[in-house]
Amino acid sequence: MKNHHRRRFLWAATGAAAATAAGATLTTGRVAVASPFVSIKRKILPKNTQHPRVVIVGGSWGGLTAARYLREQAPEVEVVVLERNPVFWSCPMSNQWLADVVDSDFIMHDLNRPANRYGYALVQADVFAIDREQRQVQSSRGVLDYDYLILAGGIRNAYEEWFGEDSRAAEYTRRHFPAAYISNNEHVLLKKKLRAFKGGNFVMTLPPPPHRCPPSPYERACTIAWYFKTHNIPGKVIVLDPKPRINPINGGFSDAFTELYGDVLQYVPNAEVREVDPFKQRISTTAGDFDFEDAALMPPHQAADIVWQADLIRRHPETGPAWWGNQHPTLLHAEDDDRVYLVGDCMGDVSPTFGHYPKSAHVANKMGHIAAGYIADRIKGKEPTPILPDNLCYMMIQPDPLKVVAVEFDYAFGADGHIHQTQVDIDTPFPELVAESFDWARSTWGDFL
C-alpha cells in the first residue's frame, strides 16, 4: 500500500482533457492542479449589502438542513446553497434500493422543492475554490461573496492512498469496481454489475475508520450475499475489513454473516489493503492475497476536496494532515476562521475520548440544525451555547423477509470537559425496527426536503 498521507486532486470527474485545455492552474499548497472553471470570474447573485449572506457548499443532509433552519431562525439572512447534483440521492436506504426493496423514487428527491418552500437560493454548480481572505466561493457558475460559509461537502475517495500518482489505475478502479459511497452514478453501476455477475469471487474492501456510514459496508455485504443466495449465483462475497472485528453492531452482523450467509460470505478481519492491481484483479492485504472476478473497491475516505483546497484540514506536527476538517469540537467553526463552519462527514475529531462523530446522515442532519442556530445567534449578537448531537442508524441484514438491526449513540460532556460517547448496539432484528427505519428516513427527509 502506497501510504502517502497527503492530498492529491484526481480530476477524473471533470475530465483531464478539459482541465488541460483550460490552461490554468489552482495551487492548493501541496499540488498545483488544472481547473476547467478557473476562468469564470464574474460574480453571480450580487450581494445585498444590507443583510448578511450565508453560502452553503453541499446540498445534502447537513447543508439542506442548515439552509432551512437559517431561513427560519434568521429570516433576514440571504442563504445560497451550491450543489453539483441535479437531485438529492439518499445514501441511507440505498442498499434497500440495491435489493429492490424500494424504488428510485423513494430515495431520489427534487432539490428545487425545498429551496422554494423555505426561501433560499439553489445554484447547481461545481465548487472548486474558497478564498477565505476575500470571503468568496469560486464555482463553475461564477463567484459568490459570503459573510458566513458552511462546508457540507461530505467525503472524497482517497484512491491515491492505494495508487499514489497512478491516476490511470485509480480511474480504472472507479469505473470498473465502483465504491458507490457518494451520491452519483456509481450506485447505478454497482446495481448493474450485481445483476450481470455470473459467478466467482466478489470482493469488498472496507474503508478504514473513520468512514462514511451509511451506506453501511456490512449492510451492503449482506445485500450482495442475499442476492447471490436468492438467485443461486455460484460465487462468494469476500469482505476485507481492516478492523479486527465487526463494529458497530458486532452481534447482529456476526450472526447474519454466519447464520444467514455463511455458505456464500467470507469475512476477513485485519485485512488492511497493501496493494491493489485492478487490471489483474488482485488485492494484497495484511490478511493475505485475493483474486476476484468482480468487486466493490472502497478506498480510504477523507474530507471533501474543497476542505483541502480551503486549507481547513487538521494537521498533526509529527504525522502531517489528519485527512479531516479542523473545526472547533463544539462550536463547529474552523479553528482559524470563525466565519467558516464545517458540518457532516467532512468534520475532524471532536474528543480525545472517542475521536470522530459517526460520519452518518443522522449526525449531518443534527449538525445542520446546530450550525444554523449558532450562525443565527451570532447574527443577532448572541453568544452561541454549545449543543451536542445524537446518532441513530438502522441497517438491513436481510432484504426478504426484511430484517433490520440498529445502533444508537448519545453524547454528553464529562467531568473532564471532553465529549463522551455512549454506544448501544441493537443486535436483535426485532420486527418493529423495520417500520422504525422507514419512519426515520421519511421524517428526517421531511426535516429538510
Protein backbone atom coordinates (compact mmCIF):
# COMPACT_ATOMS: atom_id res chain seq x y z
CA MET A 1 0.00 0.00 0.00
CA LYS A 2 1.37 3.37 -1.02
CA ASN A 3 0.64 5.34 2.13
CA HIS A 4 1.46 8.92 1.15
CA HIS A 5 -0.69 10.64 3.78
CA ARG A 6 -1.00 13.67 1.58
CA ARG A 7 -3.73 15.19 -0.51
CA ARG A 8 -3.72 14.98 -4.29
CA PHE A 9 -6.53 16.01 -6.62
CA LEU A 10 -7.71 13.38 -9.09
CA TRP A 11 -9.72 15.30 -11.65
CA ALA A 12 -11.30 12.29 -13.31
CA ALA A 13 -14.82 13.56 -12.72
CA THR A 14 -14.23 16.80 -14.57
CA GLY A 15 -12.01 15.28 -17.22
CA ALA A 16 -8.26 15.61 -17.53
CA ALA A 17 -8.54 16.81 -21.10
CA ALA A 18 -10.88 19.64 -20.15
CA ALA A 19 -8.62 20.64 -17.31
CA THR A 20 -5.57 20.75 -19.54
CA ALA A 21 -7.40 22.72 -22.18
CA ALA A 22 -8.24 25.40 -19.66
CA GLY A 23 -4.55 26.23 -19.44
CA ALA A 24 -4.80 27.47 -15.87
CA THR A 25 -3.76 26.06 -12.53
CA LEU A 26 -5.01 26.29 -8.99
CA THR A 27 -2.45 25.95 -6.21
CA THR A 28 -3.63 24.03 -3.15
CA GLY A 29 -0.46 24.43 -1.11
CA ARG A 30 0.54 20.82 -1.82
CA VAL A 31 -0.03 20.39 -5.54
CA ALA A 32 -0.95 22.61 -8.49
CA VAL A 33 -3.94 21.32 -10.41
CA ALA A 34 -5.51 22.44 -13.65
CA SER A 35 -9.08 23.70 -13.38
CA PRO A 36 -11.54 23.89 -16.26
CA PHE A 37 -13.56 26.54 -14.42
CA VAL A 38 -10.95 28.98 -13.13
CA SER A 39 -11.55 31.50 -15.92
CA ILE A 40 -15.12 32.17 -14.72
CA LYS A 41 -14.59 35.33 -12.65
CA ARG A 42 -17.98 37.00 -12.94
CA LYS A 43 -19.99 37.42 -9.77
CA ILE A 44 -23.36 35.73 -9.54
CA LEU A 45 -26.23 36.75 -7.28
CA PRO A 46 -24.86 40.19 -6.38
CA LYS A 47 -24.95 40.54 -2.62
CA ASN A 48 -27.46 42.75 -0.83
CA THR A 49 -25.11 44.63 1.49
CA GLN A 50 -27.91 45.39 4.00
CA HIS A 51 -28.27 41.74 5.02
CA PRO A 52 -25.69 39.03 5.76
CA ARG A 53 -25.28 36.15 3.34
CA VAL A 54 -24.60 32.54 4.26
CA VAL A 55 -23.27 30.35 1.44
CA ILE A 56 -23.60 26.59 1.90
CA VAL A 57 -21.41 24.25 -0.15
CA GLY A 58 -23.16 20.90 -0.36
CA GLY A 59 -26.88 20.28 -0.74
CA SER A 60 -27.49 17.10 1.20
CA TRP A 61 -28.32 16.07 4.78
CA GLY A 62 -26.25 18.72 6.57
CA GLY A 63 -26.30 21.54 4.05
CA LEU A 64 -30.02 21.46 3.27
CA THR A 65 -30.90 21.22 6.95
CA ALA A 66 -28.76 24.26 7.72
CA ALA A 67 -30.38 26.17 4.84
CA ARG A 68 -33.89 25.53 6.09
CA TYR A 69 -33.23 26.42 9.70
CA LEU A 70 -31.20 29.51 8.90
CA ARG A 71 -34.16 30.83 6.94
CA GLU A 72 -36.48 30.03 9.85
CA GLN A 73 -34.27 31.31 12.68
CA ALA A 74 -32.86 34.35 10.86
CA PRO A 75 -35.34 35.32 8.10
CA GLU A 76 -33.35 38.40 7.19
CA VAL A 77 -30.36 36.29 6.17
CA GLU A 78 -29.76 35.52 2.49
CA VAL A 79 -28.98 31.82 2.10
CA VAL A 80 -27.42 30.31 -1.03
CA VAL A 81 -26.86 26.56 -1.47
CA LEU A 82 -24.35 25.32 -4.04
CA GLU A 83 -24.80 21.69 -5.07
CA ARG A 84 -23.32 19.87 -8.07
CA ASN A 85 -26.01 17.18 -8.37
CA PRO A 86 -29.36 17.94 -10.02
CA VAL A 87 -31.32 15.81 -7.50
CA PHE A 88 -31.00 14.59 -3.93
CA TRP A 89 -29.97 10.93 -3.78
CA SER A 90 -30.07 9.31 -0.36
CA CYS A 91 -27.20 7.02 0.62
CA PRO A 92 -29.31 5.82 3.58
CA MET A 93 -31.75 3.29 2.13
CA SER A 94 -29.56 2.88 -0.98
CA ASN A 95 -28.81 -0.74 -0.07
CA GLN A 96 -32.57 -1.33 0.10
CA TRP A 97 -32.72 0.19 -3.39
CA LEU A 98 -29.88 -2.11 -4.47
CA ALA A 99 -32.02 -5.10 -3.45
CA ASP A 100 -35.24 -3.65 -4.96
CA VAL A 101 -36.88 -3.29 -1.54
CA VAL A 102 -37.57 0.34 -2.55
CA ASP A 103 -37.57 2.01 -5.94
CA SER A 104 -35.63 5.04 -7.16
CA ASP A 105 -38.46 7.46 -6.38
CA PHE A 106 -38.17 6.56 -2.71
CA ILE A 107 -34.54 7.69 -2.32
CA MET A 108 -34.38 10.35 -5.06
CA HIS A 109 -35.93 13.77 -4.44
CA ASP A 110 -36.25 17.16 -6.11
CA LEU A 111 -33.92 19.86 -4.77
CA ASN A 112 -35.93 22.81 -6.09
CA ARG A 113 -38.92 21.98 -3.92
CA PRO A 114 -37.26 22.67 -0.54
CA ALA A 115 -35.48 25.74 -1.95
CA ASN A 116 -38.82 27.20 -3.00
CA ARG A 117 -40.55 26.13 0.20
CA TYR A 118 -38.01 27.61 2.61
CA GLY A 119 -36.90 30.56 0.52
CA TYR A 120 -33.22 30.03 -0.17
CA ALA A 121 -31.35 30.20 -3.47
CA LEU A 122 -30.19 26.93 -5.02
CA VAL A 123 -27.38 27.01 -7.59
CA GLN A 124 -26.33 23.84 -9.38
CA ALA A 125 -22.58 24.19 -9.77
CA ASP A 126 -19.21 22.66 -9.03
CA VAL A 127 -17.27 24.50 -6.34
CA PHE A 128 -13.53 24.45 -6.89
CA ALA A 129 -12.03 27.16 -4.66
CA ILE A 130 -12.62 29.08 -1.44
CA ASP A 131 -10.89 32.42 -0.96
CA ARG A 132 -11.20 32.88 2.79
CA GLU A 133 -9.33 36.16 2.80
CA GLN A 134 -11.77 37.74 0.34
CA ARG A 135 -14.71 35.63 1.63
CA GLN A 136 -15.55 34.33 -1.81
CA VAL A 137 -16.59 31.00 -3.27
CA GLN A 138 -15.45 30.24 -6.81
CA SER A 139 -17.73 27.95 -8.75
CA SER A 140 -18.38 26.78 -12.28
CA ARG A 141 -21.19 29.36 -12.44
CA GLY A 142 -19.14 32.26 -11.11
CA VAL A 143 -18.03 33.89 -7.86
CA LEU A 144 -20.16 34.29 -4.74
CA ASP A 145 -19.40 36.59 -1.81
CA TYR A 146 -20.25 35.39 1.68
CA ASP A 147 -20.40 36.64 5.24
CA TYR A 148 -20.59 33.12 6.66
CA LEU A 149 -19.76 29.87 4.91
CA ILE A 150 -20.87 26.33 5.69
CA LEU A 151 -18.91 23.48 4.12
CA ALA A 152 -21.04 20.35 3.98
CA GLY A 153 -19.30 18.64 1.09
CA GLY A 154 -19.00 15.19 2.66
CA ILE A 155 -16.18 12.87 1.69
CA ARG A 156 -13.80 12.05 -1.12
CA ASN A 157 -12.47 8.63 -2.14
CA ALA A 158 -8.73 8.71 -1.45
CA TYR A 159 -7.57 6.40 -4.24
CA GLU A 160 -4.06 7.88 -4.07
CA GLU A 161 -3.57 6.02 -0.78
CA TRP A 162 -3.59 2.88 -2.93
CA PHE A 163 -2.16 4.11 -6.20
CA GLY A 164 -0.03 7.19 -5.44
CA GLU A 165 0.49 9.12 -8.69
CA ASP A 166 -1.06 6.41 -10.89
CA SER A 167 -4.29 8.18 -11.87
CA ARG A 168 -4.90 5.62 -14.64
CA ALA A 169 -5.25 2.80 -12.10
CA ALA A 170 -7.41 4.97 -9.86
CA GLU A 171 -9.77 5.90 -12.68
CA TYR A 172 -9.94 2.30 -13.91
CA THR A 173 -10.86 1.19 -10.40
CA ARG A 174 -13.51 3.86 -10.05
CA ARG A 175 -15.15 2.93 -13.36
CA HIS A 176 -14.91 -0.85 -13.16
CA PHE A 177 -15.16 -1.53 -9.41
CA PRO A 178 -17.14 1.45 -8.05
CA ALA A 179 -17.28 2.14 -4.32
CA ALA A 180 -20.80 3.62 -4.57
CA TYR A 181 -20.29 5.61 -1.39
CA ILE A 182 -21.00 9.09 -2.78
CA SER A 183 -24.25 10.26 -4.36
CA ASN A 184 -23.54 9.78 -8.05
CA ASN A 185 -23.92 7.25 -10.85
CA GLU A 186 -21.72 4.69 -9.08
CA HIS A 187 -24.79 3.31 -7.32
CA VAL A 188 -26.36 2.56 -10.69
CA LEU A 189 -23.12 0.99 -11.92
CA LEU A 190 -22.95 -1.26 -8.85
CA LYS A 191 -26.54 -2.41 -9.33
CA LYS A 192 -25.94 -3.25 -12.99
CA LYS A 193 -22.72 -5.03 -12.06
CA LEU A 194 -24.52 -7.15 -9.47
CA ARG A 195 -27.28 -8.10 -11.90
CA ALA A 196 -24.70 -9.13 -14.51
CA PHE A 197 -22.46 -11.18 -12.17
CA LYS A 198 -22.25 -14.82 -13.26
CA GLY A 199 -20.12 -16.32 -10.52
CA GLY A 200 -16.78 -16.40 -8.73
CA ASN A 201 -15.28 -14.21 -6.02
CA PHE A 202 -16.87 -10.81 -5.42
CA VAL A 203 -14.53 -8.84 -3.18
CA MET A 204 -15.47 -5.89 -0.99
CA THR A 205 -12.77 -3.75 0.58
CA LEU A 206 -13.98 -1.76 3.57
CA PRO A 207 -12.57 1.70 4.25
CA PRO A 208 -10.55 2.06 7.45
CA PRO A 209 -12.28 4.10 10.16
CA PRO A 210 -13.43 6.76 10.31
CA HIS A 211 -15.51 6.32 7.19
CA ARG A 212 -18.93 7.28 5.90
CA CYS A 213 -21.82 5.12 7.03
CA PRO A 214 -24.48 4.76 5.64
CA PRO A 215 -24.41 3.05 3.30
CA SER A 216 -23.07 0.58 5.85
CA PRO A 217 -20.47 -1.69 4.25
CA TYR A 218 -21.69 -4.62 6.38
CA GLU A 219 -25.25 -3.92 5.26
CA ARG A 220 -24.08 -3.90 1.64
CA ALA A 221 -22.23 -7.19 2.16
CA CYS A 222 -25.46 -8.74 3.46
CA THR A 223 -27.37 -7.30 0.49
CA ILE A 224 -24.98 -8.79 -2.06
CA ALA A 225 -24.75 -12.13 -0.23
CA TRP A 226 -28.56 -12.29 -0.09
CA TYR A 227 -28.69 -11.62 -3.84
CA PHE A 228 -26.23 -14.47 -4.50
CA LYS A 229 -28.26 -16.91 -2.41
CA THR A 230 -31.63 -15.82 -3.79
CA HIS A 231 -30.51 -16.10 -7.41
CA ASN A 232 -28.32 -19.20 -6.93
CA ILE A 233 -25.20 -17.43 -8.17
CA PRO A 234 -22.19 -19.75 -7.80
CA GLY A 235 -19.92 -17.34 -6.01
CA LYS A 236 -18.69 -15.92 -2.74
CA VAL A 237 -18.68 -12.45 -1.23
CA ILE A 238 -15.28 -11.81 0.38
CA VAL A 239 -15.39 -8.94 2.88
CA LEU A 240 -11.94 -7.48 3.59
CA ASP A 241 -12.19 -5.47 6.81
CA PRO A 242 -9.15 -3.55 8.11
CA LYS A 243 -10.66 -3.63 11.62
CA PRO A 244 -10.02 -6.56 13.98
CA ARG A 245 -13.76 -7.15 14.42
CA ILE A 246 -17.14 -6.04 13.15
CA ASN A 247 -18.10 -2.67 14.63
CA PRO A 248 -20.70 -1.37 15.20
CA ILE A 249 -23.46 -3.95 15.74
CA ASN A 250 -20.99 -6.80 16.12
CA GLY A 251 -23.53 -9.35 17.28
CA GLY A 252 -26.17 -8.58 14.68
CA PHE A 253 -23.84 -8.65 11.70
CA SER A 254 -21.75 -11.56 13.00
CA ASP A 255 -24.92 -13.63 13.30
CA ALA A 256 -26.05 -12.57 9.83
CA PHE A 257 -22.69 -13.39 8.26
CA THR A 258 -22.64 -16.89 9.77
CA GLU A 259 -26.29 -17.92 10.09
CA LEU A 260 -27.83 -16.26 7.03
CA TYR A 261 -24.91 -16.15 4.60
CA GLY A 262 -22.25 -18.50 5.94
CA ASP A 263 -22.24 -20.52 2.72
CA VAL A 264 -21.72 -17.51 0.42
CA LEU A 265 -19.87 -14.92 2.55
CA GLN A 266 -16.33 -14.93 3.87
CA TYR A 267 -15.49 -12.27 6.45
CA VAL A 268 -11.77 -11.47 6.75
CA PRO A 269 -10.73 -9.19 9.67
CA ASN A 270 -7.37 -7.39 9.98
CA ALA A 271 -7.25 -7.14 6.19
CA GLU A 272 -5.57 -3.78 5.63
CA VAL A 273 -5.00 -3.18 1.94
CA ARG A 274 -1.36 -3.20 0.90
CA GLU A 275 -1.68 -3.16 -2.87
CA VAL A 276 -4.45 -3.21 -5.47
CA ASP A 277 -3.97 -4.33 -9.06
CA PRO A 278 -7.30 -3.56 -10.74
CA PHE A 279 -6.08 -4.77 -14.13
CA LYS A 280 -5.10 -8.25 -12.91
CA GLN A 281 -7.99 -8.19 -10.43
CA ARG A 282 -5.88 -8.98 -7.41
CA ILE A 283 -5.64 -7.46 -3.92
CA SER A 284 -2.83 -7.89 -1.41
CA THR A 285 -3.72 -7.35 2.26
CA THR A 286 -2.21 -7.95 5.68
CA ALA A 287 -4.52 -11.00 5.89
CA GLY A 288 -3.47 -12.48 2.55
CA ASP A 289 -3.88 -12.07 -1.19
CA PHE A 290 -7.20 -12.34 -3.01
CA ASP A 291 -8.10 -12.72 -6.68
CA PHE A 292 -11.56 -11.69 -7.79
CA GLU A 293 -13.94 -11.88 -10.73
CA ASP A 294 -15.62 -8.64 -9.66
CA ALA A 295 -15.51 -6.22 -6.77
CA ALA A 296 -16.75 -3.13 -4.95
CA LEU A 297 -13.48 -1.48 -4.00
CA MET A 298 -13.92 1.11 -1.27
CA PRO A 299 -10.74 3.14 -0.74
CA PRO A 300 -9.98 5.16 2.40
CA HIS A 301 -12.22 8.17 2.96
CA GLN A 302 -11.12 11.74 3.54
CA ALA A 303 -12.80 15.12 3.83
CA ALA A 304 -14.17 16.51 0.57
CA ASP A 305 -11.81 18.14 -1.93
CA ILE A 306 -12.99 21.64 -1.13
CA VAL A 307 -11.99 21.30 2.54
CA TRP A 308 -8.44 20.54 1.43
CA GLN A 309 -8.40 23.38 -1.07
CA ALA A 310 -9.57 25.83 1.60
CA ASP A 311 -6.68 24.70 3.84
CA LEU A 312 -9.06 23.57 6.57
CA ILE A 313 -7.57 20.13 7.21
CA ARG A 314 -6.35 19.29 10.69
CA ARG A 315 -2.61 18.67 10.84
CA HIS A 316 -0.51 16.91 13.43
CA PRO A 317 3.11 18.04 13.88
CA GLU A 318 4.52 14.51 13.62
CA THR A 319 2.27 12.83 11.04
CA GLY A 320 1.05 15.70 8.86
CA PRO A 321 -2.52 16.04 7.52
CA ALA A 322 -5.13 14.12 9.51
CA TRP A 323 -7.49 13.78 6.50
CA TRP A 324 -10.42 15.57 8.13
CA GLY A 325 -11.55 19.10 8.91
CA ASN A 326 -10.01 21.30 11.59
CA GLN A 327 -13.12 22.67 13.28
CA HIS A 328 -13.91 23.65 16.86
CA PRO A 329 -15.21 20.49 18.58
CA THR A 330 -18.47 22.08 19.76
CA LEU A 331 -18.92 25.45 18.03
CA LEU A 332 -18.18 23.89 14.60
CA HIS A 333 -16.40 26.85 13.03
CA ALA A 334 -12.90 26.39 11.63
CA GLU A 335 -10.24 26.71 14.30
CA ASP A 336 -8.54 29.55 12.43
CA ASP A 337 -11.62 31.14 10.79
CA ASP A 338 -14.85 31.71 12.72
CA ARG A 339 -16.71 32.69 9.54
CA VAL A 340 -16.43 29.16 8.11
CA TYR A 341 -18.34 26.20 9.57
CA LEU A 342 -17.83 22.50 8.89
CA VAL A 343 -20.74 20.09 9.25
CA GLY A 344 -21.33 16.43 8.50
CA ASP A 345 -18.88 13.86 7.21
CA CYS A 346 -16.01 16.27 6.48
CA MET A 347 -15.62 17.12 10.18
CA GLY A 348 -12.50 16.18 12.12
CA ASP A 349 -12.29 14.57 15.54
CA VAL A 350 -14.15 16.21 18.41
CA SER A 351 -12.91 14.42 21.50
CA PRO A 352 -9.82 12.55 22.76
CA THR A 353 -12.15 10.00 24.37
CA PHE A 354 -13.59 8.59 21.13
CA GLY A 355 -12.33 10.68 18.20
CA HIS A 356 -14.90 11.40 15.47
CA TYR A 357 -18.65 11.52 15.47
CA PRO A 358 -20.06 8.79 13.21
CA LYS A 359 -19.99 10.03 9.64
CA SER A 360 -23.67 9.39 9.25
CA ALA A 361 -26.65 11.14 7.71
CA HIS A 362 -28.26 11.45 11.15
CA VAL A 363 -25.26 13.33 12.56
CA ALA A 364 -25.06 15.52 9.44
CA ASN A 365 -28.72 16.45 9.86
CA LYS A 366 -28.16 17.31 13.54
CA MET A 367 -25.06 19.34 12.72
CA GLY A 368 -27.01 21.30 10.12
CA HIS A 369 -29.52 22.20 12.83
CA ILE A 370 -26.79 23.16 15.27
CA ALA A 371 -24.69 25.22 12.85
CA ALA A 372 -27.77 27.13 11.69
CA GLY A 373 -28.58 28.01 15.28
CA TYR A 374 -25.03 29.12 16.01
CA ILE A 375 -24.90 31.43 12.99
CA ALA A 376 -28.37 32.82 13.68
CA ASP A 377 -27.31 33.60 17.26
CA ARG A 378 -24.16 35.36 16.13
CA ILE A 379 -26.03 37.47 13.58
CA LYS A 380 -28.39 38.54 16.40
CA GLY A 381 -25.41 39.41 18.60
CA LYS A 382 -25.86 36.44 20.93
CA GLU A 383 -23.17 34.07 22.18
CA PRO A 384 -23.94 30.51 20.98
CA THR A 385 -24.42 27.83 23.63
CA PRO A 386 -22.72 24.52 22.73
CA ILE A 387 -25.13 21.78 21.67
CA LEU A 388 -24.27 18.12 21.14
CA PRO A 389 -25.91 15.78 18.58
CA ASP A 390 -27.05 12.20 18.91
CA ASN A 391 -26.90 9.44 16.33
CA LEU A 392 -29.20 6.66 15.17
CA CYS A 393 -28.56 4.22 12.33
CA TYR A 394 -30.72 1.40 11.03
CA MET A 395 -29.03 -1.28 8.93
CA MET A 396 -30.61 -4.05 6.89
CA ILE A 397 -29.28 -7.58 7.34
CA GLN A 398 -31.79 -9.28 5.03
CA PRO A 399 -33.95 -7.80 2.26
CA ASP A 400 -36.60 -10.54 2.08
CA PRO A 401 -38.04 -11.12 4.57
CA LEU A 402 -36.85 -7.68 5.63
CA LYS A 403 -34.74 -7.69 8.80
CA VAL A 404 -33.06 -4.67 10.37
CA VAL A 405 -30.64 -4.02 13.24
CA ALA A 406 -29.66 -0.65 14.68
CA VAL A 407 -27.14 1.33 16.72
CA GLU A 408 -27.62 4.38 18.93
CA PHE A 409 -25.03 6.91 20.11
CA ASP A 410 -25.52 9.50 22.81
CA TYR A 411 -23.12 12.32 23.67
CA ALA A 412 -22.55 14.31 26.87
CA PHE A 413 -19.86 16.44 28.44
CA GLY A 414 -17.84 14.63 31.10
CA ALA A 415 -16.30 15.98 34.27
CA ASP A 416 -13.03 16.29 32.33
CA GLY A 417 -14.67 18.81 29.96
CA HIS A 418 -14.46 16.43 26.99
CA ILE A 419 -17.34 14.98 24.99
CA HIS A 420 -18.06 11.34 25.86
CA GLN A 421 -19.86 8.78 23.73
CA THR A 422 -22.26 6.02 24.76
CA GLN A 423 -22.95 3.35 22.15
CA VAL A 424 -25.84 0.88 22.24
CA ASP A 425 -25.99 -1.89 19.63
CA ILE A 426 -29.44 -3.32 18.88
CA ASP A 427 -28.28 -6.70 17.60
CA THR A 428 -31.63 -8.48 17.52
CA PRO A 429 -33.69 -7.79 14.37
CA PHE A 430 -36.97 -7.01 16.13
CA PRO A 431 -39.85 -6.69 13.64
CA GLU A 432 -40.57 -3.19 14.95
CA LEU A 433 -37.19 -1.98 13.66
CA VAL A 434 -38.33 -2.32 10.05
CA ALA A 435 -41.13 0.21 10.44
CA GLU A 436 -38.89 2.42 12.58
CA SER A 437 -36.22 2.52 9.86
CA PHE A 438 -38.71 3.72 7.26
CA ASP A 439 -40.23 6.21 9.69
CA TRP A 440 -36.74 7.55 10.43
CA ALA A 441 -35.97 8.03 6.74
CA ARG A 442 -39.26 9.74 5.94
CA SER A 443 -39.19 12.01 8.99
CA THR A 444 -35.55 13.03 8.51
CA TRP A 445 -36.04 13.74 4.81
CA GLY A 446 -39.11 15.71 5.79
CA ASP A 447 -36.93 17.87 8.01
CA PHE A 448 -35.11 19.43 5.05
CA LEU A 449 -36.77 18.36 1.78
